[in-house]
Every structure is written in C-alpha cells, then in structure tokens.
Amino acid sequence: MNLLAWVEVPLVVVVQLRAEKVVCERIYWDQASVLVQIGLLDPSHLPVAGAETARKVLNPELPSNDLIRLAAAKPGDSRSTVQSV
C-alpha cells in the first residue's frame, strides 16, 4: 500500500492587517477535491472536481464550467436544462 500521493490543491489566503501587523489570517481550500484525489470520496454524484481545480488556477485557458456540463448531462436531473457558456 502506497501511503504517499501527489495532491494538487488551490488555496486562497486572506490576511487582515492593522497598523502594518497581521491580526487575522484565513486559509481556504477545497477539502472535497483532496478527498477525491486520494480516493476517499466518489465524485460521481457530487459537484466535486479533483486536481482540475488547481490546474485551472495555473492555466486560465482550461474550461471552468465542467461541473455544470456534467450536472446537465445526467438524465432525469432537474438541472438538465442548464446551458454552458
């Protein structure tokens, strides 16, 4: 069993400053994306992407609405009328 895995995660860090000192730092990251990449979450029924989210940050040319297309493609889904842009 290989316990090492390469995981790609985009992060957003929000830092609050007061008088040139850091008073608050918030780090946001997509936990579901990590769980998909390490095989602990099945993305087939959830609006979750894996490493694609991190790759989109590095390459703005990649499509950003794949989750919308996937949701719209599922038969019987009430969101099937969603059109991608």
PDB file of N, CA and C in Angstrom:
ATOM      1  N   MET A   1       0.845  -1.188   0.000  1.00  0.00           N
ATOM      2  CA  MET A   1       0.000   0.000   0.000  1.00  0.00           C
ATOM      3  C   MET A   1       0.883   1.241   0.000  1.00  0.00           C
ATOM      4  N   ASN A   2       0.678   2.097  -0.991  1.00  0.00           N
ATOM      5  CA  ASN A   2       1.449   3.331  -1.100  1.00  0.00           C
ATOM      6  C   ASN A   2       0.769   4.438  -0.309  1.00  0.00           C
ATOM      7  N   LEU A   3       1.413   4.948   0.722  1.00  0.00           N
ATOM      8  CA  LEU A   3       0.822   5.987   1.560  1.00  0.00           C
ATOM      9  C   LEU A   3       1.160   7.389   1.066  1.00  0.00           C
ATOM     10  N   LEU A   4       2.018   7.473   0.077  1.00  0.00           N
ATOM     11  CA  LEU A   4       2.370   8.777  -0.462  1.00  0.00           C
ATOM     12  C   LEU A   4       1.565   9.038  -1.726  1.00  0.00           C
ATOM     13  N   ALA A   5       1.014  10.238  -1.823  1.00  0.00           N
ATOM     14  CA  ALA A   5       0.246  10.599  -3.002  1.00  0.00           C
ATOM     15  C   ALA A   5       0.497  12.063  -3.335  1.00  0.00           C
ATOM     16  N   TRP A   6       0.522  12.373  -4.626  1.00  0.00           N
ATOM     17  CA  TRP A   6       0.664  13.740  -5.082  1.00  0.00           C
ATOM     18  C   TRP A   6      -0.730  14.340  -5.139  1.00  0.00           C
ATOM     19  N   VAL A   7      -0.946  15.435  -4.432  1.00  0.00           N
ATOM     20  CA  VAL A   7      -2.250  16.086  -4.386  1.00  0.00           C
ATOM     21  C   VAL A   7      -2.072  17.541  -4.804  1.00  0.00           C
ATOM     22  N   GLU A   8      -2.943  17.991  -5.704  1.00  0.00           N
ATOM     23  CA  GLU A   8      -2.912  19.379  -6.158  1.00  0.00           C
ATOM     24  C   GLU A   8      -4.104  20.119  -5.564  1.00  0.00           C
ATOM     25  N   VAL A   9      -3.810  21.217  -4.851  1.00  0.00           N
ATOM     26  CA  VAL A   9      -4.863  21.948  -4.158  1.00  0.00           C
ATOM     27  C   VAL A   9      -4.671  23.454  -4.340  1.00  0.00           C
ATOM     28  N   PRO A  10      -5.685  24.134  -4.894  1.00  0.00           N
ATOM     29  CA  PRO A  10      -5.599  25.587  -4.923  1.00  0.00           C
ATOM     30  C   PRO A  10      -5.950  26.139  -3.543  1.00  0.00           C
ATOM     31  N   LEU A  11      -5.257  27.174  -3.149  1.00  0.00           N
ATOM     32  CA  LEU A  11      -5.500  27.805  -1.856  1.00  0.00           C
ATOM     33  C   LEU A  11      -5.823  29.277  -2.054  1.00  0.00           C
ATOM     34  N   VAL A  12      -6.622  29.799  -1.140  1.00  0.00           N
ATOM     35  CA  VAL A  12      -6.861  31.230  -1.071  1.00  0.00           C
ATOM     36  C   VAL A  12      -6.523  31.644   0.348  1.00  0.00           C
ATOM     37  N   VAL A  13      -5.670  32.650   0.467  1.00  0.00           N
ATOM     38  CA  VAL A  13      -5.290  33.147   1.789  1.00  0.00           C
ATOM     39  C   VAL A  13      -5.746  34.593   1.892  1.00  0.00           C
ATOM     40  N   VAL A  14      -6.512  34.890   2.938  1.00  0.00           N
ATOM     41  CA  VAL A  14      -6.972  36.245   3.205  1.00  0.00           C
ATOM     42  C   VAL A  14      -6.309  36.692   4.497  1.00  0.00           C
ATOM     43  N   VAL A  15      -5.588  37.800   4.419  1.00  0.00           N
ATOM     44  CA  VAL A  15      -4.852  38.308   5.579  1.00  0.00           C
ATOM     45  C   VAL A  15      -5.393  39.680   5.934  1.00  0.00           C
ATOM     46  N   GLN A  16      -5.710  39.859   7.204  1.00  0.00           N
ATOM     47  CA  GLN A  16      -6.186  41.155   7.694  1.00  0.00           C
ATOM     48  C   GLN A  16      -5.044  41.843   8.437  1.00  0.00           C
ATOM     49  N   LEU A  17      -4.772  43.086   8.041  1.00  0.00           N
ATOM     50  CA  LEU A  17      -3.697  43.853   8.660  1.00  0.00           C
ATOM     51  C   LEU A  17      -4.278  45.024   9.455  1.00  0.00           C
ATOM     52  N   ARG A  18      -3.617  45.354  10.544  1.00  0.00           N
ATOM     53  CA  ARG A  18      -3.950  46.544  11.316  1.00  0.00           C
ATOM     54  C   ARG A  18      -2.635  47.147  11.789  1.00  0.00           C
ATOM     55  N   ALA A  19      -2.394  48.393  11.446  1.00  0.00           N
ATOM     56  CA  ALA A  19      -1.154  49.076  11.813  1.00  0.00           C
ATOM     57  C   ALA A  19       0.061  48.263  11.350  1.00  0.00           C
ATOM     58  N   GLU A  20      -0.027  47.772  10.110  1.00  0.00           N
ATOM     59  CA  GLU A  20       1.048  47.008   9.479  1.00  0.00           C
ATOM     60  C   GLU A  20       1.388  45.699  10.202  1.00  0.00           C
ATOM     61  N   LYS A  21       0.447  45.178  10.983  1.00  0.00           N
ATOM     62  CA  LYS A  21       0.639  43.890  11.650  1.00  0.00           C
ATOM     63  C   LYS A  21      -0.503  42.955  11.265  1.00  0.00           C
ATOM     64  N   VAL A  22      -0.173  41.696  11.140  1.00  0.00           N
ATOM     65  CA  VAL A  22      -1.185  40.695  10.816  1.00  0.00           C
ATOM     66  C   VAL A  22      -2.044  40.447  12.056  1.00  0.00           C
ATOM     67  N   VAL A  23      -3.350  40.668  11.912  1.00  0.00           N
ATOM     68  CA  VAL A  23      -4.259  40.408  13.031  1.00  0.00           C
ATOM     69  C   VAL A  23      -5.140  39.192  12.778  1.00  0.00           C
ATOM     70  N   CYS A  24      -5.225  38.763  11.512  1.00  0.00           N
ATOM     71  CA  CYS A  24      -6.059  37.607  11.198  1.00  0.00           C
ATOM     72  C   CYS A  24      -5.605  37.015   9.864  1.00  0.00           C
ATOM     73  N   GLU A  25      -5.616  35.701   9.798  1.00  0.00           N
ATOM     74  CA  GLU A  25      -5.288  35.015   8.550  1.00  0.00           C
ATOM     75  C   GLU A  25      -6.273  33.873   8.367  1.00  0.00           C
ATOM     76  N   ARG A  26      -6.888  33.819   7.190  1.00  0.00           N
ATOM     77  CA  ARG A  26      -7.818  32.740   6.863  1.00  0.00           C
ATOM     78  C   ARG A  26      -7.302  32.024   5.624  1.00  0.00           C
ATOM     79  N   ILE A  27      -7.273  30.705   5.691  1.00  0.00           N
ATOM     80  CA  ILE A  27      -6.825  29.891   4.566  1.00  0.00           C
ATOM     81  C   ILE A  27      -8.002  29.029   4.124  1.00  0.00           C
ATOM     82  N   TYR A  28      -8.378  29.177   2.866  1.00  0.00           N
ATOM     83  CA  TYR A  28      -9.491  28.422   2.307  1.00  0.00           C
ATOM     84  C   TYR A  28      -8.951  27.418   1.293  1.00  0.00           C
ATOM     85  N   TRP A  29      -9.458  26.184   1.365  1.00  0.00           N
ATOM     86  CA  TRP A  29      -9.068  25.156   0.417  1.00  0.00           C
ATOM     87  C   TRP A  29     -10.221  24.170   0.272  1.00  0.00           C
ATOM     88  N   ASP A  30     -10.242  23.484  -0.848  1.00  0.00           N
ATOM     89  CA  ASP A  30     -11.336  22.576  -1.188  1.00  0.00           C
ATOM     90  C   ASP A  30     -11.046  21.179  -0.639  1.00  0.00           C
ATOM     91  N   GLN A  31     -11.642  20.866   0.493  1.00  0.00           N
ATOM     92  CA  GLN A  31     -11.407  19.567   1.127  1.00  0.00           C
ATOM     93  C   GLN A  31     -11.929  18.420   0.264  1.00  0.00           C
ATOM     94  N   ALA A  32     -13.055  18.628  -0.397  1.00  0.00           N
ATOM     95  CA  ALA A  32     -13.619  17.567  -1.236  1.00  0.00           C
ATOM     96  C   ALA A  32     -12.677  17.223  -2.382  1.00  0.00           C
ATOM     97  N   SER A  33     -12.022  18.226  -2.949  1.00  0.00           N
ATOM     98  CA  SER A  33     -11.066  17.984  -4.025  1.00  0.00           C
ATOM     99  C   SER A  33      -9.922  17.089  -3.547  1.00  0.00           C
ATOM    100  N   VAL A  34      -9.449  17.326  -2.349  1.00  0.00           N
ATOM    101  CA  VAL A  34      -8.375  16.497  -1.793  1.00  0.00           C
ATOM    102  C   VAL A  34      -8.871  15.072  -1.575  1.00  0.00           C
ATOM    103  N   LEU A  35     -10.060  14.918  -1.011  1.00  0.00           N
ATOM    104  CA  LEU A  35     -10.605  13.584  -0.759  1.00  0.00           C
ATOM    105  C   LEU A  35     -10.818  12.799  -2.053  1.00  0.00           C
ATOM    106  N   VAL A  36     -11.226  13.494  -3.126  1.00  0.00           N
ATOM    107  CA  VAL A  36     -11.370  12.833  -4.430  1.00  0.00           C
ATOM    108  C   VAL A  36     -10.010  12.344  -4.915  1.00  0.00           C
ATOM    109  N   GLN A  37      -8.997  13.192  -4.795  1.00  0.00           N
ATOM    110  CA  GLN A  37      -7.677  12.845  -5.315  1.00  0.00           C
ATOM    111  C   GLN A  37      -7.027  11.683  -4.572  1.00  0.00           C
ATOM    112  N   ILE A  38      -7.306  11.543  -3.290  1.00  0.00           N
ATOM    113  CA  ILE A  38      -6.695  10.438  -2.534  1.00  0.00           C
ATOM    114  C   ILE A  38      -7.600   9.216  -2.470  1.00  0.00           C
ATOM    115  N   GLY A  39      -8.744   9.286  -3.184  1.00  0.00           N
ATOM    116  CA  GLY A  39      -9.610   8.122  -3.320  1.00  0.00           C
ATOM    117  C   GLY A  39     -10.574   7.877  -2.180  1.00  0.00           C
ATOM    118  N   LEU A  40     -10.823   8.862  -1.340  1.00  0.00           N
ATOM    119  CA  LEU A  40     -11.747   8.679  -0.217  1.00  0.00           C
ATOM    120  C   LEU A  40     -13.141   9.223  -0.476  1.00  0.00           C
ATOM    121  N   LEU A  41     -13.353   9.833  -1.639  1.00  0.00           N
ATOM    122  CA  LEU A  41     -14.657  10.392  -1.977  1.00  0.00           C
ATOM    123  C   LEU A  41     -14.946  10.110  -3.444  1.00  0.00           C
ATOM    124  N   ASP A  42     -16.120   9.569  -3.723  1.00  0.00           N
ATOM    125  CA  ASP A  42     -16.536   9.282  -5.098  1.00  0.00           C
ATOM    126  C   ASP A  42     -17.223  10.528  -5.666  1.00  0.00           C
ATOM    127  N   PRO A  43     -16.648  11.147  -6.686  1.00  0.00           N
ATOM    128  CA  PRO A  43     -17.212  12.383  -7.207  1.00  0.00           C
ATOM    129  C   PRO A  43     -18.385  12.194  -8.172  1.00  0.00           C
ATOM    130  N   SER A  44     -18.783  10.956  -8.440  1.00  0.00           N
ATOM    131  CA  SER A  44     -19.777  10.711  -9.490  1.00  0.00           C
ATOM    132  C   SER A  44     -21.149  11.312  -9.178  1.00  0.00           C
ATOM    133  N   HIS A  45     -21.493  11.507  -7.919  1.00  0.00           N
ATOM    134  CA  HIS A  45     -22.806  12.054  -7.571  1.00  0.00           C
ATOM    135  C   HIS A  45     -22.710  13.399  -6.859  1.00  0.00           C
ATOM    136  N   LEU A  46     -21.550  13.985  -6.872  1.00  0.00           N
ATOM    137  CA  LEU A  46     -21.341  15.246  -6.163  1.00  0.00           C
ATOM    138  C   LEU A  46     -20.737  16.285  -7.101  1.00  0.00           C
ATOM    139  N   PRO A  47     -21.008  17.563  -6.846  1.00  0.00           N
ATOM    140  CA  PRO A  47     -20.380  18.611  -7.653  1.00  0.00           C
ATOM    141  C   PRO A  47     -18.950  18.863  -7.178  1.00  0.00           C
ATOM    142  N   VAL A  48     -18.083  17.898  -7.443  1.00  0.00           N
ATOM    143  CA  VAL A  48     -16.710  17.951  -6.946  1.00  0.00           C
ATOM    144  C   VAL A  48     -15.753  17.719  -8.109  1.00  0.00           C
ATOM    145  N   ALA A  49     -14.689  18.482  -8.124  1.00  0.00           N
ATOM    146  CA  ALA A  49     -13.617  18.272  -9.084  1.00  0.00           C
ATOM    147  C   ALA A  49     -12.382  17.845  -8.308  1.00  0.00           C
ATOM    148  N   GLY A  50     -11.449  17.289  -8.990  1.00  0.00           N
ATOM    149  CA  GLY A  50     -10.213  16.878  -8.325  1.00  0.00           C
ATOM    150  C   GLY A  50      -9.104  17.869  -8.600  1.00  0.00           C
ATOM    151  N   ALA A  51      -8.005  17.375  -9.136  1.00  0.00           N
ATOM    152  CA  ALA A  51      -6.837  18.208  -9.418  1.00  0.00           C
ATOM    153  C   ALA A  51      -7.136  19.261 -10.479  1.00  0.00           C
ATOM    154  N   GLU A  52      -8.232  19.097 -11.215  1.00  0.00           N
ATOM    155  CA  GLU A  52      -8.585  20.064 -12.255  1.00  0.00           C
ATOM    156  C   GLU A  52      -8.734  21.466 -11.677  1.00  0.00           C
ATOM    157  N   THR A  53      -9.181  21.570 -10.442  1.00  0.00           N
ATOM    158  CA  THR A  53      -9.361  22.891  -9.838  1.00  0.00           C
ATOM    159  C   THR A  53      -8.032  23.613  -9.684  1.00  0.00           C
ATOM    160  N   ALA A  54      -7.012  22.896  -9.280  1.00  0.00           N
ATOM    161  CA  ALA A  54      -5.686  23.506  -9.131  1.00  0.00           C
ATOM    162  C   ALA A  54      -5.084  23.819 -10.491  1.00  0.00           C
ATOM    163  N   ARG A  55      -5.313  22.947 -11.458  1.00  0.00           N
ATOM    164  CA  ARG A  55      -4.758  23.184 -12.796  1.00  0.00           C
ATOM    165  C   ARG A  55      -5.397  24.395 -13.459  1.00  0.00           C
ATOM    166  N   LYS A  56      -6.677  24.642 -13.174  1.00  0.00           N
ATOM    167  CA  LYS A  56      -7.368  25.811 -13.731  1.00  0.00           C
ATOM    168  C   LYS A  56      -6.732  27.095 -13.212  1.00  0.00           C
ATOM    169  N   VAL A  57      -6.295  27.122 -11.975  1.00  0.00           N
ATOM    170  CA  VAL A  57      -5.637  28.302 -11.421  1.00  0.00           C
ATOM    171  C   VAL A  57      -4.341  28.584 -12.176  1.00  0.00           C
ATOM    172  N   LEU A  58      -3.616  27.537 -12.519  1.00  0.00           N
ATOM    173  CA  LEU A  58      -2.344  27.703 -13.220  1.00  0.00           C
ATOM    174  C   LEU A  58      -2.512  27.987 -14.705  1.00  0.00           C
ATOM    175  N   ASN A  59      -3.627  27.540 -15.279  1.00  0.00           N
ATOM    176  CA  ASN A  59      -3.848  27.706 -16.715  1.00  0.00           C
ATOM    177  C   ASN A  59      -5.253  28.236 -16.966  1.00  0.00           C
ATOM    178  N   PRO A  60      -5.404  29.553 -17.114  1.00  0.00           N
ATOM    179  CA  PRO A  60      -6.731  30.142 -17.324  1.00  0.00           C
ATOM    180  C   PRO A  60      -7.409  29.707 -18.623  1.00  0.00           C
ATOM    181  N   GLU A  61      -6.663  29.074 -19.536  1.00  0.00           N
ATOM    182  CA  GLU A  61      -7.242  28.622 -20.797  1.00  0.00           C
ATOM    183  C   GLU A  61      -8.108  27.367 -20.628  1.00  0.00           C
ATOM    184  N   LEU A  62      -7.960  26.660 -19.515  1.00  0.00           N
ATOM    185  CA  LEU A  62      -8.765  25.461 -19.289  1.00  0.00           C
ATOM    186  C   LEU A  62     -10.212  25.842 -19.037  1.00  0.00           C
ATOM    187  N   PRO A  63     -11.153  24.976 -19.438  1.00  0.00           N
ATOM    188  CA  PRO A  63     -12.573  25.274 -19.204  1.00  0.00           C
ATOM    189  C   PRO A  63     -12.881  25.302 -17.710  1.00  0.00           C
ATOM    190  N   SER A  64     -13.790  26.195 -17.329  1.00  0.00           N
ATOM    191  CA  SER A  64     -14.094  26.324 -15.905  1.00  0.00           C
ATOM    192  C   SER A  64     -15.499  25.880 -15.543  1.00  0.00           C
ATOM    193  N   ASN A  65     -16.288  25.440 -16.483  1.00  0.00           N
ATOM    194  CA  ASN A  65     -17.658  25.059 -16.162  1.00  0.00           C
ATOM    195  C   ASN A  65     -17.950  23.593 -16.442  1.00  0.00           C
ATOM    196  N   ASP A  66     -16.972  22.720 -16.271  1.00  0.00           N
ATOM    197  CA  ASP A  66     -17.191  21.294 -16.490  1.00  0.00           C
ATOM    198  C   ASP A  66     -18.226  20.712 -15.543  1.00  0.00           C
ATOM    199  N   LEU A  67     -18.277  21.183 -14.299  1.00  0.00           N
ATOM    200  CA  LEU A  67     -19.258  20.660 -13.359  1.00  0.00           C
ATOM    201  C   LEU A  67     -20.676  20.973 -13.806  1.00  0.00           C
ATOM    202  N   ILE A  68     -20.879  22.125 -14.416  1.00  0.00           N
ATOM    203  CA  ILE A  68     -22.200  22.475 -14.932  1.00  0.00           C
ATOM    204  C   ILE A  68     -22.574  21.523 -16.058  1.00  0.00           C
ATOM    205  N   ARG A  69     -21.626  21.269 -16.967  1.00  0.00           N
ATOM    206  CA  ARG A  69     -21.900  20.346 -18.076  1.00  0.00           C
ATOM    207  C   ARG A  69     -22.182  18.934 -17.564  1.00  0.00           C
ATOM    208  N   LEU A  70     -21.435  18.485 -16.567  1.00  0.00           N
ATOM    209  CA  LEU A  70     -21.659  17.143 -16.019  1.00  0.00           C
ATOM    210  C   LEU A  70     -23.033  17.038 -15.375  1.00  0.00           C
ATOM    211  N   ALA A  71     -23.437  18.051 -14.631  1.00  0.00           N
ATOM    212  CA  ALA A  71     -24.752  18.036 -13.983  1.00  0.00           C
ATOM    213  C   ALA A  71     -25.857  18.053 -15.030  1.00  0.00           C
ATOM    214  N   ALA A  72     -25.679  18.823 -16.075  1.00  0.00           N
ATOM    215  CA  ALA A  72     -26.697  18.927 -17.114  1.00  0.00           C
ATOM    216  C   ALA A  72     -26.809  17.647 -17.929  1.00  0.00           C
ATOM    217  N   ALA A  73     -25.754  16.869 -17.993  1.00  0.00           N
ATOM    218  CA  ALA A  73     -25.749  15.664 -18.809  1.00  0.00           C
ATOM    219  C   ALA A  73     -26.451  14.485 -18.144  1.00  0.00           C
ATOM    220  N   LYS A  74     -26.713  14.573 -16.840  1.00  0.00           N
ATOM    221  CA  LYS A  74     -27.337  13.448 -16.145  1.00  0.00           C
ATOM    222  C   LYS A  74     -28.829  13.399 -16.471  1.00  0.00           C
ATOM    223  N   PRO A  75     -29.298  12.269 -17.007  1.00  0.00           N
ATOM    224  CA  PRO A  75     -30.715  12.152 -17.358  1.00  0.00           C
ATOM    225  C   PRO A  75     -31.599  12.183 -16.125  1.00  0.00           C
ATOM    226  N   GLY A  76     -32.755  12.843 -16.265  1.00  0.00           N
ATOM    227  CA  GLY A  76     -33.705  12.918 -15.159  1.00  0.00           C
ATOM    228  C   GLY A  76     -33.371  13.971 -14.133  1.00  0.00           C
ATOM    229  N   ASP A  77     -32.286  14.652 -14.308  1.00  0.00           N
ATOM    230  CA  ASP A  77     -31.880  15.707 -13.380  1.00  0.00           C
ATOM    231  C   ASP A  77     -32.645  16.972 -13.730  1.00  0.00           C
ATOM    232  N   SER A  78     -33.204  17.628 -12.737  1.00  0.00           N
ATOM    233  CA  SER A  78     -33.986  18.840 -12.990  1.00  0.00           C
ATOM    234  C   SER A  78     -33.108  19.965 -13.533  1.00  0.00           C
ATOM    235  N   ARG A  79     -31.796  19.831 -13.382  1.00  0.00           N
ATOM    236  CA  ARG A  79     -30.879  20.854 -13.881  1.00  0.00           C
ATOM    237  C   ARG A  79     -30.481  20.576 -15.328  1.00  0.00           C
ATOM    238  N   SER A  80     -31.120  19.608 -15.974  1.00  0.00           N
ATOM    239  CA  SER A  80     -30.705  19.221 -17.317  1.00  0.00           C
ATOM    240  C   SER A  80     -30.934  20.323 -18.339  1.00  0.00           C
ATOM    241  N   THR A  81     -31.650  21.387 -17.980  1.00  0.00           N
ATOM    242  CA  THR A  81     -31.869  22.494 -18.910  1.00  0.00           C
ATOM    243  C   THR A  81     -30.773  23.549 -18.796  1.00  0.00           C
ATOM    244  N   VAL A  82     -29.802  23.353 -17.931  1.00  0.00           N
ATOM    245  CA  VAL A  82     -28.704  24.310 -17.775  1.00  0.00           C
ATOM    246  C   VAL A  82     -27.843  24.288 -19.023  1.00  0.00           C
ATOM    247  N   GLN A  83     -27.551  25.484 -19.544  1.00  0.00           N
ATOM    248  CA  GLN A  83     -26.712  25.575 -20.718  1.00  0.00           C
ATOM    249  C   GLN A  83     -25.357  26.133 -20.309  1.00  0.00           C
ATOM    250  N   SER A  84     -24.301  25.570 -20.866  1.00  0.00           N
ATOM    251  CA  SER A  84     -22.969  26.065 -20.545  1.00  0.00           C
ATOM    252  C   SER A  84     -22.653  27.276 -21.400  1.00  0.00           C
ATOM    253  N   VAL A  85     -21.750  28.097 -20.886  1.00  0.00           N
ATOM    254  CA  VAL A  85     -21.349  29.313 -21.614  1.00  0.00           C
ATOM    255  C   VAL A  85     -19.984  29.137 -22.214  1.00  0.00           C
TER     256      VAL A  85
END
